[in-house]
C-alpha atoms as a PDB file:
ATOM      1  CA  MET A   1      -9.016  -0.674  -9.697  1.00  0.00           C
ATOM      2  CA  ALA A   2      -5.951   0.176  -7.606  1.00  0.00           C
ATOM      3  CA  PHE A   3      -7.632  -1.709  -4.777  1.00  0.00           C
ATOM      4  CA  PHE A   4      -7.401  -5.026  -6.653  1.00  0.00           C
ATOM      5  CA  THR A   5      -3.989  -4.837  -8.349  1.00  0.00           C
ATOM      6  CA  ALA A   6      -0.513  -4.608  -6.848  1.00  0.00           C
ATOM      7  CA  ASN A   7       0.660  -1.824  -9.178  1.00  0.00           C
ATOM      8  CA  GLY A   8       1.506   1.517  -7.644  1.00  0.00           C
ATOM      9  CA  ARG A   9       1.919   2.860  -4.135  1.00  0.00           C
ATOM     10  CA  LEU A  10      -0.250   3.349  -1.050  1.00  0.00           C
ATOM     11  CA  ARG A  11       0.101   5.952   1.710  1.00  0.00           C
ATOM     12  CA  ARG A  12       0.172   5.060   5.408  1.00  0.00           C
ATOM     13  CA  ARG A  13      -3.238   6.537   6.166  1.00  0.00           C
ATOM     14  CA  ASP A  14      -4.938   4.851   3.226  1.00  0.00           C
ATOM     15  CA  TYR A  15      -3.255   1.548   4.096  1.00  0.00           C
ATOM     16  CA  PHE A  16      -4.451   1.777   7.698  1.00  0.00           C
ATOM     17  CA  PHE A  17      -8.073   2.485   6.794  1.00  0.00           C
ATOM     18  CA  ARG A  18      -8.207  -0.071   3.986  1.00  0.00           C
ATOM     19  CA  VAL A  19      -6.822  -2.849   6.174  1.00  0.00           C
ATOM     20  CA  LEU A  20      -9.072  -1.791   9.056  1.00  0.00           C
ATOM     21  CA  GLY A  21     -12.097  -2.022   6.754  1.00  0.00           C
ATOM     22  CA  LEU A  22     -10.996  -5.387   5.402  1.00  0.00           C
ATOM     23  CA  ASN A  23     -10.544  -6.738   8.933  1.00  0.00           C
ATOM     24  CA  ALA A  24     -14.039  -5.515   9.836  1.00  0.00           C
ATOM     25  CA  LEU A  25     -15.368  -7.241   6.718  1.00  0.00           C
ATOM     26  CA  VAL A  26     -13.702 -10.526   7.698  1.00  0.00           C
ATOM     27  CA  PHE A  27     -15.171 -10.229  11.174  1.00  0.00           C
ATOM     28  CA  GLY A  28     -18.620  -9.744   9.643  1.00  0.00           C
ATOM     29  CA  ILE A  29     -18.205 -12.633   7.215  1.00  0.00           C
ATOM     30  CA  TYR A  30     -17.089 -14.882  10.058  1.00  0.00           C
ATOM     31  CA  ALA A  31     -19.585 -13.759  12.696  1.00  0.00           C
ATOM     32  CA  VAL A  32     -22.841 -13.398  10.746  1.00  0.00           C
ATOM     33  CA  PRO A  33     -23.339 -17.107   9.947  1.00  0.00           C
ATOM     34  CA  GLY A  34     -22.683 -17.972  13.574  1.00  0.00           C
ATOM     35  CA  LEU A  35     -25.283 -15.454  14.706  1.00  0.00           C
ATOM     36  CA  LEU A  36     -27.899 -16.524  12.159  1.00  0.00           C
ATOM     37  CA  TYR A  37     -27.684 -20.253  12.814  1.00  0.00           C
ATOM     38  CA  LYS A  38     -27.830 -21.397  16.424  1.00  0.00           C
ATOM     39  CA  ALA A  39     -26.791 -24.999  15.768  1.00  0.00           C
ATOM     40  CA  ASP A  40     -24.849 -26.081  12.698  1.00  0.00           C
ATOM     41  CA  VAL A  41     -24.088 -23.707   9.853  1.00  0.00           C
ATOM     42  CA  PRO A  42     -25.260 -25.143   6.499  1.00  0.00           C
ATOM     43  CA  PRO A  43     -22.391 -26.251   4.239  1.00  0.00           C
ATOM     44  CA  GLY A  44     -23.308 -23.745   1.520  1.00  0.00           C
ATOM     45  CA  VAL A  45     -23.137 -20.827   3.926  1.00  0.00           C
ATOM     46  CA  ALA A  46     -19.878 -22.095   5.405  1.00  0.00           C
ATOM     47  CA  LEU A  47     -18.386 -22.445   1.919  1.00  0.00           C
ATOM     48  CA  ALA A  48     -19.539 -18.941   0.961  1.00  0.00           C
ATOM     49  CA  SER A  49     -17.988 -17.574   4.158  1.00  0.00           C
ATOM     50  CA  LEU A  50     -14.730 -19.356   3.414  1.00  0.00           C
ATOM     51  CA  ALA A  51     -14.686 -17.911  -0.135  1.00  0.00           C
ATOM     52  CA  GLY A  52     -15.354 -14.426   1.245  1.00  0.00           C
ATOM     53  CA  ILE A  53     -12.548 -14.720   3.771  1.00  0.00           C
ATOM     54  CA  ALA A  54     -10.159 -15.922   1.043  1.00  0.00           C
ATOM     55  CA  ALA A  55     -11.108 -12.943  -1.149  1.00  0.00           C
ATOM     56  CA  VAL A  56     -10.514 -10.508   1.711  1.00  0.00           C
ATOM     57  CA  LEU A  57      -7.181 -12.205   2.474  1.00  0.00           C
ATOM     58  CA  TYR A  58      -6.144 -11.622  -1.149  1.00  0.00           C
ATOM     59  CA  LEU A  59      -7.138  -7.953  -0.910  1.00  0.00           C
ATOM     60  CA  THR A  60      -5.201  -7.556   2.341  1.00  0.00           C
ATOM     61  CA  VAL A  61      -2.063  -8.976   0.708  1.00  0.00           C
ATOM     62  CA  VAL A  62      -2.501  -6.569  -2.227  1.00  0.00           C
ATOM     63  CA  GLN A  63      -2.754  -3.605   0.159  1.00  0.00           C
ATOM     64  CA  SER A  64       0.412  -4.753   1.937  1.00  0.00           C
ATOM     65  CA  LEU A  65       2.252  -5.022  -1.375  1.00  0.00           C
ATOM     66  CA  LEU A  66       1.178  -1.507  -2.340  1.00  0.00           C
ATOM     67  CA  ARG A  67       2.413  -0.203   1.012  1.00  0.00           C
ATOM     68  CA  LEU A  68       5.758  -1.967   0.543  1.00  0.00           C
ATOM     69  CA  HIS A  69       6.012  -0.317  -2.880  1.00  0.00           C
ATOM     70  CA  ASP A  70       5.566   3.071  -1.203  1.00  0.00           C
ATOM     71  CA  LEU A  71       8.536   2.195   1.011  1.00  0.00           C
ATOM     72  CA  ASP A  72      10.503   1.355  -2.192  1.00  0.00           C
ATOM     73  CA  LEU A  73      10.613  -2.338  -1.275  1.00  0.00           C
ATOM     74  CA  ARG A  74       9.703  -5.189  -3.575  1.00  0.00           C
ATOM     75  CA  GLY A  75       6.652  -7.292  -2.821  1.00  0.00           C
ATOM     76  CA  TRP A  76       8.825 -10.257  -1.897  1.00  0.00           C
ATOM     77  CA  TRP A  77       9.448  -8.530   1.440  1.00  0.00           C
ATOM     78  CA  PHE A  78       5.920  -9.590   2.347  1.00  0.00           C
ATOM     79  CA  LEU A  79       7.281 -13.107   2.941  1.00  0.00           C
ATOM     80  CA  VAL A  80       9.065 -11.703   6.010  1.00  0.00           C
ATOM     81  CA  ALA A  81       5.605 -11.550   7.601  1.00  0.00           C
ATOM     82  CA  PHE A  82       5.796 -15.327   8.078  1.00  0.00           C
ATOM     83  CA  LEU A  83       8.776 -15.051  10.448  1.00  0.00           C
ATOM     84  CA  PRO A  84       7.645 -15.024  14.086  1.00  0.00           C
ATOM     85  CA  VAL A  85       9.236 -11.890  15.591  1.00  0.00           C
ATOM     86  CA  VAL A  86      10.285 -10.063  12.450  1.00  0.00           C
ATOM     87  CA  SER A  87       6.665  -9.844  11.310  1.00  0.00           C
ATOM     88  CA  TYR A  88       5.904  -7.430  14.157  1.00  0.00           C
ATOM     89  CA  VAL A  89       8.734  -5.168  13.058  1.00  0.00           C
ATOM     90  CA  LEU A  90       7.526  -5.270   9.449  1.00  0.00           C
ATOM     91  CA  GLY A  91       3.947  -4.549  10.504  1.00  0.00           C
ATOM     92  CA  ALA A  92       4.992  -1.601  12.650  1.00  0.00           C
ATOM     93  CA  GLY A  93       7.314  -0.325   9.948  1.00  0.00           C
ATOM     94  CA  MET A  94       4.554  -0.387   7.369  1.00  0.00           C
ATOM     95  CA  GLN A  95       2.432   1.774   9.675  1.00  0.00           C
ATOM     96  CA  LEU A  96       5.034   4.151  11.054  1.00  0.00           C
ATOM     97  CA  VAL A  97       7.707   4.699   8.394  1.00  0.00           C
ATOM     98  CA  GLN A  98       7.027   7.415   5.846  1.00  0.00           C
ATOM     99  CA  GLY A  99       7.058   6.366   2.213  1.00  0.00           C
ATOM    100  CA  THR A 100       9.655   7.425  -0.312  1.00  0.00           C
ATOM    101  CA  ILE A 101       9.399  11.150  -1.041  1.00  0.00           C
ATOM    102  CA  GLY A 102       8.930  11.746  -4.745  1.00  0.00           C
ATOM    103  CA  PRO A 103       8.623   9.112  -7.433  1.00  0.00           C
ATOM    104  CA  ASN A 104      10.302   5.744  -7.028  1.00  0.00           C
ATOM    105  CA  ARG A 105      10.509   2.640  -9.224  1.00  0.00           C
ATOM    106  CA  PHE A 106       6.889   1.755  -8.420  1.00  0.00           C
ATOM    107  CA  GLY A 107       5.263   5.040  -9.390  1.00  0.00           C
ATOM    108  CA  LEU A 108       4.580   8.600  -8.358  1.00  0.00           C
ATOM    109  CA  ASP A 109       4.347   9.693  -4.751  1.00  0.00           C
ATOM    110  CA  PRO A 110       0.665   9.346  -3.749  1.00  0.00           C
ATOM    111  CA  LYS A 111       1.038  12.125  -1.183  1.00  0.00           C
ATOM    112  CA  ARG A 112       2.764  14.550  -3.571  1.00  0.00           C
ATOM    113  CA  PRO A 113       1.889  13.450  -7.133  1.00  0.00           C
ATOM    114  CA  LEU A 114       3.207  16.654  -8.738  1.00  0.00           C
ATOM    115  CA  LEU A 115       6.653  16.355  -7.147  1.00  0.00           C
ATOM    116  CA  LEU A 116       9.180  15.430  -9.812  1.00  0.00           C
ATOM    117  CA  PRO A 117      12.653  14.047  -9.258  1.00  0.00           C
ATOM    118  CA  ALA A 118      15.433  16.623  -9.015  1.00  0.00           C
ATOM    119  CA  ALA A 119      17.298  17.255 -12.256  1.00  0.00           C
ATOM    120  CA  PRO A 120      21.058  16.707 -12.140  1.00  0.00           C
ATOM    121  CA  ILE A 121      23.051  19.941 -12.247  1.00  0.00           C
ATOM    122  CA  ALA A 122      24.985  18.812 -15.324  1.00  0.00           C
ATOM    123  CA  SER A 123      21.790  18.654 -17.413  1.00  0.00           C
ATOM    124  CA  LEU A 124      20.734  22.250 -16.757  1.00  0.00           C
ATOM    125  CA  PRO A 125      21.288  24.602 -19.711  1.00  0.00           C
ATOM    126  CA  ASP A 126      23.908  27.355 -19.494  1.00  0.00           C
ATOM    127  CA  ALA A 127      21.598  30.353 -19.348  1.00  0.00           C
ATOM    128  CA  PRO A 128      22.049  33.681 -17.576  1.00  0.00           C
ATOM    129  CA  LEU A 129      20.164  34.063 -14.317  1.00  0.00           C
ATOM    130  CA  SER A 130      18.613  37.390 -15.326  1.00  0.00           C
ATOM    131  CA  GLU A 131      18.418  39.706 -18.311  1.00  0.00           C
ATOM    132  CA  ALA A 132      20.653  42.265 -16.614  1.00  0.00           C
ATOM    133  CA  GLU A 133      23.335  39.661 -16.213  1.00  0.00           C
ATOM    134  CA  GLY A 134      23.062  38.788 -19.921  1.00  0.00           C
ATOM    135  CA  ASP A 135      23.484  42.470 -20.970  1.00  0.00           C
ATOM    136  CA  GLU A 136      26.821  42.778 -19.143  1.00  0.00           C
ATOM    137  CA  GLN A 137      28.457  40.151 -21.287  1.00  0.00           C
END
């Protein structure tokens, strides 16, 4: 279900392959009716193709939001994609910049799920480092 909801995080590699697959799916949805019908595409087929492309567009946006979460950015940063030149920087950044190491506000690190945040030094108990050290006191 993580494919359909914008909760959690998504690694660079998974983002790349998911978006690549979705783009291939859009190409197939767009090209198949044109290949099957030489003249005009029937309205029902055209409407079904349009619905399929809209569904894939939604899934692509969800994958982008998950990738932004991995970079510890809110989903609103996706709106930057509508700016002409800045969208290229955002697109490259989503592919090239490593996600936040360890958990962030959007969930655990998908690359290292067992990595926990570092405990502050003040919260560590005052315990001797070894038994020999405890015997000297």
